[in-house]
Amino acid sequence: MDSTKNDITVNCPCCGAQLTIDAALGKVLRHDPPPTKRSDLDLDNVQKMLQEQARRREEIFAQSSADLKIKSELLDKKFAAALEKSKDEPVTKPMRDIDWD
């Protein structure tokens, strides 16, 4: 009896490995790992990538510092508006729960 007739070969959609499965038993007989992918990066490309990443970091930092400056200016304006509003209101003693009786 030839066992290869019952074998099914499947490629894993996640990792790309090749699995050989016995159809009768429903068990994996063999697992061939996917071929290793070689990186096409050389030192020139890596240097360009690092420079690009550094430029992006600087842009993000500059944007976040500008956002903080705008946020602090907005909070200053809100505080000034609340201060002006509170100047118009008379100062009263707050009512405590015990004072309601």
Protein backbone atom coordinates (compact mmCIF):
# COMPACT_ATOMS: atom_id res chain seq x y z
CA MET A 1 0.00 0.00 0.00
CA ASP A 2 1.48 3.35 -1.08
CA SER A 3 1.29 5.93 1.71
CA THR A 4 1.88 8.87 -0.62
CA LYS A 5 -1.61 8.42 -2.12
CA ASN A 6 -3.15 9.36 1.24
CA ASP A 7 -0.84 12.33 1.77
CA ILE A 8 -2.00 15.88 1.13
CA THR A 9 0.47 18.74 0.71
CA VAL A 10 -0.74 22.16 1.86
CA ASN A 11 0.95 25.56 2.07
CA CYS A 12 0.27 27.41 5.32
CA PRO A 13 -1.38 30.79 4.59
CA CYS A 14 0.14 32.38 7.70
CA CYS A 15 3.81 31.49 7.54
CA GLY A 16 4.16 29.94 4.09
CA ALA A 17 5.39 26.60 5.45
CA GLN A 18 4.62 23.42 3.52
CA LEU A 19 2.69 20.79 5.47
CA THR A 20 2.29 17.15 4.47
CA ILE A 21 -0.85 15.67 6.01
CA ASP A 22 -2.02 12.04 6.12
CA ALA A 23 -5.62 12.13 4.90
CA ALA A 24 -6.59 8.90 6.63
CA LEU A 25 -5.21 9.85 10.04
CA GLY A 26 -5.66 13.62 9.79
CA LYS A 27 -2.20 14.17 11.23
CA VAL A 28 0.71 16.27 10.04
CA LEU A 29 3.45 14.00 8.79
CA ARG A 30 5.97 16.60 7.75
CA HIS A 31 6.54 20.30 8.24
CA ASP A 32 8.88 22.14 5.89
CA PRO A 33 9.58 25.67 7.16
CA PRO A 34 9.19 28.50 4.70
CA PRO A 35 12.25 29.65 2.83
CA THR A 36 14.10 32.40 4.62
CA LYS A 37 13.66 35.81 3.10
CA ARG A 38 16.85 37.66 2.45
CA SER A 39 16.88 41.31 3.20
CA ASP A 40 17.58 43.51 0.18
CA LEU A 41 19.04 46.17 2.42
CA ASP A 42 22.59 47.27 1.95
CA LEU A 43 24.46 49.87 3.96
CA ASP A 44 23.49 52.75 1.66
CA ASN A 45 19.79 51.93 1.92
CA VAL A 46 20.04 51.48 5.68
CA GLN A 47 21.75 54.86 6.05
CA LYS A 48 19.00 56.52 3.99
CA MET A 49 16.33 54.79 6.08
CA LEU A 50 17.96 55.94 9.31
CA GLN A 51 18.18 59.51 8.03
CA GLU A 52 14.52 59.39 7.01
CA GLN A 53 13.51 58.05 10.42
CA ALA A 54 15.52 60.78 12.16
CA ARG A 55 13.86 63.43 9.97
CA ARG A 56 10.40 62.03 10.77
CA ARG A 57 11.20 61.98 14.51
CA GLU A 58 12.25 65.62 14.35
CA GLU A 59 9.06 66.55 12.46
CA ILE A 60 6.89 64.74 14.99
CA PHE A 61 8.72 66.39 17.89
CA ALA A 62 8.38 69.84 16.32
CA GLN A 63 4.67 69.25 15.71
CA SER A 64 4.08 68.05 19.28
CA SER A 65 5.94 71.04 20.75
CA ALA A 66 3.87 73.39 18.55
CA ASP A 67 0.69 71.64 19.71
CA LEU A 68 1.72 72.07 23.35
CA LYS A 69 2.39 75.76 22.79
CA ILE A 70 -1.02 76.23 21.18
CA LYS A 71 -2.64 74.24 23.99
CA SER A 72 -1.00 76.40 26.66
CA GLU A 73 -2.09 79.58 24.83
CA LEU A 74 -5.65 78.23 24.65
CA LEU A 75 -5.64 77.43 28.36
CA ASP A 76 -4.33 80.93 29.14
CA LYS A 77 -7.18 82.46 27.10
CA LYS A 78 -9.76 80.27 28.86
CA PHE A 79 -8.33 81.20 32.25
CA ALA A 80 -8.41 84.91 31.40
CA ALA A 81 -12.03 84.64 30.22
CA ALA A 82 -13.04 82.78 33.38
CA LEU A 83 -11.23 85.37 35.50
CA GLU A 84 -13.06 88.23 33.75
CA LYS A 85 -16.37 86.44 34.22
CA SER A 86 -15.71 85.86 37.92
CA LYS A 87 -14.82 89.54 38.47
CA ASP A 88 -18.38 90.53 37.54
CA GLU A 89 -19.98 88.13 40.03
CA PRO A 90 -20.27 89.14 43.68
CA VAL A 91 -18.29 87.14 46.21
CA THR A 92 -20.66 85.19 48.46
CA LYS A 93 -20.12 82.72 51.21
CA PRO A 94 -20.82 79.19 49.93
CA MET A 95 -23.73 77.35 51.54
CA ARG A 96 -22.83 74.21 53.45
CA ASP A 97 -25.18 71.27 53.94
CA ILE A 98 -25.50 72.09 57.61
CA ASP A 99 -26.60 75.68 56.78
CA TRP A 100 -29.71 74.47 54.92
CA ASP A 101 -31.43 73.36 58.16
